[in-house]
Amino acid sequence: MAATPDVRPVGDLPDSIGKTAARELSLHGITSLKEVAAHSRKELLAIHGVGPKAIAILGETLRAKGLEHRGQ
């Protein structure tokens, strides 16, 4: 199995989401918390490599910045 390239840091996304989630979000044009907030949790979970752990970390980070996912 090939190693997953580590593209972190990606914008202001927290490194703790993991390298796979960071890479996949970046490939989908999501490179900032503001862009994360423009999507619902369901939309983000539909991206291969973005799982519940990354969604929880992103949600906590959004709340800390006074932001929230779209559709909340």
PDB file of N, CA and C in Angstrom:
ATOM      1  N   MET A   1       0.846  -1.169   0.000  1.00  0.00           N
ATOM      2  CA  MET A   1       0.000   0.000   0.000  1.00  0.00           C
ATOM      3  C   MET A   1       0.894   1.235   0.000  1.00  0.00           C
ATOM      4  N   ALA A   2       0.574   2.203  -0.841  1.00  0.00           N
ATOM      5  CA  ALA A   2       1.356   3.430  -0.928  1.00  0.00           C
ATOM      6  C   ALA A   2       1.078   4.326   0.274  1.00  0.00           C
ATOM      7  N   ALA A   3       2.097   5.044   0.686  1.00  0.00           N
ATOM      8  CA  ALA A   3       1.942   5.973   1.804  1.00  0.00           C
ATOM      9  C   ALA A   3       1.073   7.148   1.384  1.00  0.00           C
ATOM     10  N   THR A   4       0.279   7.648   2.320  1.00  0.00           N
ATOM     11  CA  THR A   4      -0.564   8.816   2.056  1.00  0.00           C
ATOM     12  C   THR A   4       0.300  10.064   2.174  1.00  0.00           C
ATOM     13  N   PRO A   5       0.371  10.863   1.094  1.00  0.00           N
ATOM     14  CA  PRO A   5       1.182  12.082   1.194  1.00  0.00           C
ATOM     15  C   PRO A   5       0.599  13.043   2.233  1.00  0.00           C
ATOM     16  N   ASP A   6       1.482  13.662   2.979  1.00  0.00           N
ATOM     17  CA  ASP A   6       1.056  14.596   4.020  1.00  0.00           C
ATOM     18  C   ASP A   6       1.119  16.011   3.454  1.00  0.00           C
ATOM     19  N   VAL A   7      -0.049  16.603   3.185  1.00  0.00           N
ATOM     20  CA  VAL A   7      -0.122  17.934   2.585  1.00  0.00           C
ATOM     21  C   VAL A   7      -0.314  19.019   3.643  1.00  0.00           C
ATOM     22  N   ARG A   8      -0.351  18.629   4.917  1.00  0.00           N
ATOM     23  CA  ARG A   8      -0.582  19.598   5.983  1.00  0.00           C
ATOM     24  C   ARG A   8       0.617  20.521   6.126  1.00  0.00           C
ATOM     25  N   PRO A   9       0.412  21.753   6.513  1.00  0.00           N
ATOM     26  CA  PRO A   9      -0.871  22.368   6.847  1.00  0.00           C
ATOM     27  C   PRO A   9      -1.661  22.760   5.600  1.00  0.00           C
ATOM     28  N   VAL A  10      -2.963  22.684   5.742  1.00  0.00           N
ATOM     29  CA  VAL A  10      -3.877  23.113   4.690  1.00  0.00           C
ATOM     30  C   VAL A  10      -4.639  24.316   5.224  1.00  0.00           C
ATOM     31  N   GLY A  11      -4.315  25.483   4.706  1.00  0.00           N
ATOM     32  CA  GLY A  11      -4.973  26.711   5.156  1.00  0.00           C
ATOM     33  C   GLY A  11      -4.983  26.799   6.669  1.00  0.00           C
ATOM     34  N   ASP A  12      -6.159  27.109   7.211  1.00  0.00           N
ATOM     35  CA  ASP A  12      -6.276  27.190   8.674  1.00  0.00           C
ATOM     36  C   ASP A  12      -6.975  25.965   9.260  1.00  0.00           C
ATOM     37  N   LEU A  13      -7.020  24.869   8.502  1.00  0.00           N
ATOM     38  CA  LEU A  13      -7.613  23.632   9.012  1.00  0.00           C
ATOM     39  C   LEU A  13      -6.686  23.030  10.064  1.00  0.00           C
ATOM     40  N   PRO A  14      -7.254  22.466  11.132  1.00  0.00           N
ATOM     41  CA  PRO A  14      -6.405  21.888  12.179  1.00  0.00           C
ATOM     42  C   PRO A  14      -5.675  20.634  11.687  1.00  0.00           C
ATOM     43  N   ASP A  15      -4.398  20.521  11.999  1.00  0.00           N
ATOM     44  CA  ASP A  15      -3.616  19.341  11.609  1.00  0.00           C
ATOM     45  C   ASP A  15      -4.191  18.061  12.201  1.00  0.00           C
ATOM     46  N   SER A  16      -4.870  18.181  13.333  1.00  0.00           N
ATOM     47  CA  SER A  16      -5.372  17.005  14.044  1.00  0.00           C
ATOM     48  C   SER A  16      -6.462  16.252  13.285  1.00  0.00           C
ATOM     49  N   ILE A  17      -6.971  16.803  12.169  1.00  0.00           N
ATOM     50  CA  ILE A  17      -7.972  16.058  11.386  1.00  0.00           C
ATOM     51  C   ILE A  17      -7.339  14.876  10.666  1.00  0.00           C
ATOM     52  N   GLY A  18      -6.017  14.868  10.558  1.00  0.00           N
ATOM     53  CA  GLY A  18      -5.314  13.766   9.915  1.00  0.00           C
ATOM     54  C   GLY A  18      -4.930  14.096   8.486  1.00  0.00           C
ATOM     55  N   LYS A  19      -3.894  13.404   8.016  1.00  0.00           N
ATOM     56  CA  LYS A  19      -3.376  13.734   6.690  1.00  0.00           C
ATOM     57  C   LYS A  19      -4.311  13.317   5.568  1.00  0.00           C
ATOM     58  N   THR A  20      -5.036  12.215   5.729  1.00  0.00           N
ATOM     59  CA  THR A  20      -5.955  11.793   4.667  1.00  0.00           C
ATOM     60  C   THR A  20      -7.108  12.776   4.526  1.00  0.00           C
ATOM     61  N   ALA A  21      -7.718  13.162   5.643  1.00  0.00           N
ATOM     62  CA  ALA A  21      -8.827  14.121   5.593  1.00  0.00           C
ATOM     63  C   ALA A  21      -8.356  15.456   5.036  1.00  0.00           C
ATOM     64  N   ALA A  22      -7.185  15.914   5.476  1.00  0.00           N
ATOM     65  CA  ALA A  22      -6.650  17.193   4.987  1.00  0.00           C
ATOM     66  C   ALA A  22      -6.434  17.136   3.476  1.00  0.00           C
ATOM     67  N   ARG A  23      -5.854  16.045   3.006  1.00  0.00           N
ATOM     68  CA  ARG A  23      -5.595  15.896   1.568  1.00  0.00           C
ATOM     69  C   ARG A  23      -6.898  15.881   0.772  1.00  0.00           C
ATOM     70  N   GLU A  24      -7.862  15.103   1.230  1.00  0.00           N
ATOM     71  CA  GLU A  24      -9.121  14.970   0.489  1.00  0.00           C
ATOM     72  C   GLU A  24      -9.924  16.270   0.497  1.00  0.00           C
ATOM     73  N   LEU A  25      -9.950  16.968   1.621  1.00  0.00           N
ATOM     74  CA  LEU A  25     -10.640  18.258   1.660  1.00  0.00           C
ATOM     75  C   LEU A  25      -9.974  19.217   0.680  1.00  0.00           C
ATOM     76  N   SER A  26      -8.639  19.234   0.681  1.00  0.00           N
ATOM     77  CA  SER A  26      -7.895  20.097  -0.221  1.00  0.00           C
ATOM     78  C   SER A  26      -8.204  19.765  -1.681  1.00  0.00           C
ATOM     79  N   LEU A  27      -8.266  18.490  -2.002  1.00  0.00           N
ATOM     80  CA  LEU A  27      -8.584  18.064  -3.374  1.00  0.00           C
ATOM     81  C   LEU A  27      -9.987  18.497  -3.796  1.00  0.00           C
ATOM     82  N   HIS A  28     -10.864  18.701  -2.820  1.00  0.00           N
ATOM     83  CA  HIS A  28     -12.230  19.158  -3.096  1.00  0.00           C
ATOM     84  C   HIS A  28     -12.349  20.683  -2.967  1.00  0.00           C
ATOM     85  N   GLY A  29     -11.209  21.361  -2.880  1.00  0.00           N
ATOM     86  CA  GLY A  29     -11.211  22.822  -2.837  1.00  0.00           C
ATOM     87  C   GLY A  29     -11.553  23.415  -1.487  1.00  0.00           C
ATOM     88  N   ILE A  30     -11.515  22.599  -0.447  1.00  0.00           N
ATOM     89  CA  ILE A  30     -11.845  23.070   0.903  1.00  0.00           C
ATOM     90  C   ILE A  30     -10.537  23.219   1.663  1.00  0.00           C
ATOM     91  N   THR A  31     -10.089  24.474   1.798  1.00  0.00           N
ATOM     92  CA  THR A  31      -8.785  24.724   2.407  1.00  0.00           C
ATOM     93  C   THR A  31      -8.844  25.716   3.560  1.00  0.00           C
ATOM     94  N   SER A  32     -10.052  26.051   3.997  1.00  0.00           N
ATOM     95  CA  SER A  32     -10.181  26.979   5.123  1.00  0.00           C
ATOM     96  C   SER A  32     -11.404  26.618   5.957  1.00  0.00           C
ATOM     97  N   LEU A  33     -11.418  27.102   7.190  1.00  0.00           N
ATOM     98  CA  LEU A  33     -12.575  26.865   8.051  1.00  0.00           C
ATOM     99  C   LEU A  33     -13.822  27.527   7.473  1.00  0.00           C
ATOM    100  N   LYS A  34     -13.658  28.663   6.833  1.00  0.00           N
ATOM    101  CA  LYS A  34     -14.797  29.337   6.204  1.00  0.00           C
ATOM    102  C   LYS A  34     -15.411  28.440   5.121  1.00  0.00           C
ATOM    103  N   GLU A  35     -14.569  27.754   4.352  1.00  0.00           N
ATOM    104  CA  GLU A  35     -15.062  26.829   3.328  1.00  0.00           C
ATOM    105  C   GLU A  35     -15.697  25.595   3.959  1.00  0.00           C
ATOM    106  N   VAL A  36     -15.146  25.131   5.086  1.00  0.00           N
ATOM    107  CA  VAL A  36     -15.757  24.007   5.813  1.00  0.00           C
ATOM    108  C   VAL A  36     -17.162  24.405   6.255  1.00  0.00           C
ATOM    109  N   ALA A  37     -17.294  25.630   6.789  1.00  0.00           N
ATOM    110  CA  ALA A  37     -18.587  26.105   7.289  1.00  0.00           C
ATOM    111  C   ALA A  37     -19.632  26.218   6.177  1.00  0.00           C
ATOM    112  N   ALA A  38     -19.195  26.314   4.935  1.00  0.00           N
ATOM    113  CA  ALA A  38     -20.121  26.421   3.811  1.00  0.00           C
ATOM    114  C   ALA A  38     -20.728  25.066   3.431  1.00  0.00           C
ATOM    115  N   HIS A  39     -20.302  24.004   4.104  1.00  0.00           N
ATOM    116  CA  HIS A  39     -20.793  22.648   3.825  1.00  0.00           C
ATOM    117  C   HIS A  39     -21.454  22.056   5.068  1.00  0.00           C
ATOM    118  N   SER A  40     -22.395  21.176   4.846  1.00  0.00           N
ATOM    119  CA  SER A  40     -23.012  20.458   5.962  1.00  0.00           C
ATOM    120  C   SER A  40     -22.100  19.298   6.378  1.00  0.00           C
ATOM    121  N   ARG A  41     -22.330  18.786   7.577  1.00  0.00           N
ATOM    122  CA  ARG A  41     -21.574  17.602   8.013  1.00  0.00           C
ATOM    123  C   ARG A  41     -21.774  16.451   7.041  1.00  0.00           C
ATOM    124  N   LYS A  42     -22.998  16.281   6.576  1.00  0.00           N
ATOM    125  CA  LYS A  42     -23.315  15.183   5.658  1.00  0.00           C
ATOM    126  C   LYS A  42     -22.510  15.312   4.361  1.00  0.00           C
ATOM    127  N   GLU A  43     -22.407  16.526   3.834  1.00  0.00           N
ATOM    128  CA  GLU A  43     -21.627  16.741   2.610  1.00  0.00           C
ATOM    129  C   GLU A  43     -20.152  16.410   2.833  1.00  0.00           C
ATOM    130  N   LEU A  44     -19.629  16.823   3.973  1.00  0.00           N
ATOM    131  CA  LEU A  44     -18.224  16.550   4.258  1.00  0.00           C
ATOM    132  C   LEU A  44     -17.981  15.056   4.472  1.00  0.00           C
ATOM    133  N   LEU A  45     -18.895  14.389   5.150  1.00  0.00           N
ATOM    134  CA  LEU A  45     -18.749  12.945   5.365  1.00  0.00           C
ATOM    135  C   LEU A  45     -18.806  12.155   4.061  1.00  0.00           C
ATOM    136  N   ALA A  46     -19.432  12.716   3.045  1.00  0.00           N
ATOM    137  CA  ALA A  46     -19.530  12.048   1.743  1.00  0.00           C
ATOM    138  C   ALA A  46     -18.192  12.059   1.000  1.00  0.00           C
ATOM    139  N   ILE A  47     -17.249  12.862   1.470  1.00  0.00           N
ATOM    140  CA  ILE A  47     -15.931  12.915   0.850  1.00  0.00           C
ATOM    141  C   ILE A  47     -15.109  11.748   1.382  1.00  0.00           C
ATOM    142  N   HIS A  48     -14.638  10.907   0.477  1.00  0.00           N
ATOM    143  CA  HIS A  48     -13.830   9.753   0.862  1.00  0.00           C
ATOM    144  C   HIS A  48     -12.627  10.226   1.672  1.00  0.00           C
ATOM    145  N   GLY A  49     -12.404   9.621   2.825  1.00  0.00           N
ATOM    146  CA  GLY A  49     -11.271   9.969   3.663  1.00  0.00           C
ATOM    147  C   GLY A  49     -11.590  10.951   4.778  1.00  0.00           C
ATOM    148  N   VAL A  50     -12.805  11.486   4.757  1.00  0.00           N
ATOM    149  CA  VAL A  50     -13.230  12.406   5.824  1.00  0.00           C
ATOM    150  C   VAL A  50     -14.241  11.653   6.682  1.00  0.00           C
ATOM    151  N   GLY A  51     -13.824  11.302   7.879  1.00  0.00           N
ATOM    152  CA  GLY A  51     -14.677  10.485   8.735  1.00  0.00           C
ATOM    153  C   GLY A  51     -15.201  11.231   9.941  1.00  0.00           C
ATOM    154  N   PRO A  52     -15.908  10.514  10.809  1.00  0.00           N
ATOM    155  CA  PRO A  52     -16.512  11.126  11.995  1.00  0.00           C
ATOM    156  C   PRO A  52     -15.516  11.842  12.903  1.00  0.00           C
ATOM    157  N   LYS A  53     -14.303  11.309  13.039  1.00  0.00           N
ATOM    158  CA  LYS A  53     -13.302  11.954  13.898  1.00  0.00           C
ATOM    159  C   LYS A  53     -12.939  13.327  13.331  1.00  0.00           C
ATOM    160  N   ALA A  54     -12.680  13.402  12.032  1.00  0.00           N
ATOM    161  CA  ALA A  54     -12.335  14.685  11.399  1.00  0.00           C
ATOM    162  C   ALA A  54     -13.504  15.660  11.504  1.00  0.00           C
ATOM    163  N   ILE A  55     -14.720  15.166  11.326  1.00  0.00           N
ATOM    164  CA  ILE A  55     -15.903  16.030  11.414  1.00  0.00           C
ATOM    165  C   ILE A  55     -16.042  16.597  12.830  1.00  0.00           C
ATOM    166  N   ALA A  56     -15.794  15.770  13.838  1.00  0.00           N
ATOM    167  CA  ALA A  56     -15.883  16.241  15.230  1.00  0.00           C
ATOM    168  C   ALA A  56     -14.829  17.312  15.506  1.00  0.00           C
ATOM    169  N   ILE A  57     -13.613  17.092  15.048  1.00  0.00           N
ATOM    170  CA  ILE A  57     -12.538  18.063  15.255  1.00  0.00           C
ATOM    171  C   ILE A  57     -12.858  19.366  14.524  1.00  0.00           C
ATOM    172  N   LEU A  58     -13.334  19.264  13.285  1.00  0.00           N
ATOM    173  CA  LEU A  58     -13.697  20.457  12.529  1.00  0.00           C
ATOM    174  C   LEU A  58     -14.840  21.208  13.211  1.00  0.00           C
ATOM    175  N   GLY A  59     -15.828  20.470  13.723  1.00  0.00           N
ATOM    176  CA  GLY A  59     -16.960  21.098  14.412  1.00  0.00           C
ATOM    177  C   GLY A  59     -16.512  21.875  15.639  1.00  0.00           C
ATOM    178  N   GLU A  60     -15.618  21.272  16.430  1.00  0.00           N
ATOM    179  CA  GLU A  60     -15.089  21.952  17.623  1.00  0.00           C
ATOM    180  C   GLU A  60     -14.321  23.213  17.229  1.00  0.00           C
ATOM    181  N   THR A  61     -13.526  23.103  16.189  1.00  0.00           N
ATOM    182  CA  THR A  61     -12.729  24.242  15.733  1.00  0.00           C
ATOM    183  C   THR A  61     -13.623  25.350  15.194  1.00  0.00           C
ATOM    184  N   LEU A  62     -14.661  24.972  14.447  1.00  0.00           N
ATOM    185  CA  LEU A  62     -15.603  25.977  13.937  1.00  0.00           C
ATOM    186  C   LEU A  62     -16.256  26.724  15.096  1.00  0.00           C
ATOM    187  N   ARG A  63     -16.746  25.983  16.093  1.00  0.00           N
ATOM    188  CA  ARG A  63     -17.406  26.603  17.245  1.00  0.00           C
ATOM    189  C   ARG A  63     -16.467  27.555  17.976  1.00  0.00           C
ATOM    190  N   ALA A  64     -15.205  27.164  18.098  1.00  0.00           N
ATOM    191  CA  ALA A  64     -14.226  28.012  18.777  1.00  0.00           C
ATOM    192  C   ALA A  64     -13.995  29.327  18.027  1.00  0.00           C
ATOM    193  N   LYS A  65     -14.240  29.302  16.721  1.00  0.00           N
ATOM    194  CA  LYS A  65     -14.064  30.505  15.890  1.00  0.00           C
ATOM    195  C   LYS A  65     -15.380  31.247  15.659  1.00  0.00           C
ATOM    196  N   GLY A  66     -16.473  30.758  16.295  1.00  0.00           N
ATOM    197  CA  GLY A  66     -17.774  31.402  16.140  1.00  0.00           C
ATOM    198  C   GLY A  66     -18.460  31.064  14.829  1.00  0.00           C
ATOM    199  N   LEU A  67     -18.076  29.942  14.225  1.00  0.00           N
ATOM    200  CA  LEU A  67     -18.672  29.497  12.963  1.00  0.00           C
ATOM    201  C   LEU A  67     -19.458  28.212  13.191  1.00  0.00           C
ATOM    202  N   GLU A  68     -20.232  27.809  12.204  1.00  0.00           N
ATOM    203  CA  GLU A  68     -20.939  26.527  12.255  1.00  0.00           C
ATOM    204  C   GLU A  68     -21.135  26.009  10.842  1.00  0.00           C
ATOM    205  N   HIS A  69     -21.385  24.703  10.755  1.00  0.00           N
ATOM    206  CA  HIS A  69     -21.643  24.074   9.455  1.00  0.00           C
ATOM    207  C   HIS A  69     -22.920  24.642   8.843  1.00  0.00           C
ATOM    208  N   ARG A  70     -22.975  24.656   7.534  1.00  0.00           N
ATOM    209  CA  ARG A  70     -24.183  25.075   6.833  1.00  0.00           C
ATOM    210  C   ARG A  70     -25.323  24.133   7.195  1.00  0.00           C
ATOM    211  N   GLY A  71     -26.495  24.657   7.300  1.00  0.00           N
ATOM    212  CA  GLY A  71     -27.657  23.820   7.569  1.00  0.00           C
ATOM    213  C   GLY A  71     -27.894  23.558   9.040  1.00  0.00           C
ATOM    214  N   GLN A  72     -27.232  24.277   9.914  1.00  0.00           N
ATOM    215  CA  GLN A  72     -27.459  24.067  11.347  1.00  0.00           C
ATOM    216  C   GLN A  72     -28.380  25.105  11.887  1.00  0.00           C
TER     217      GLN A  72
END
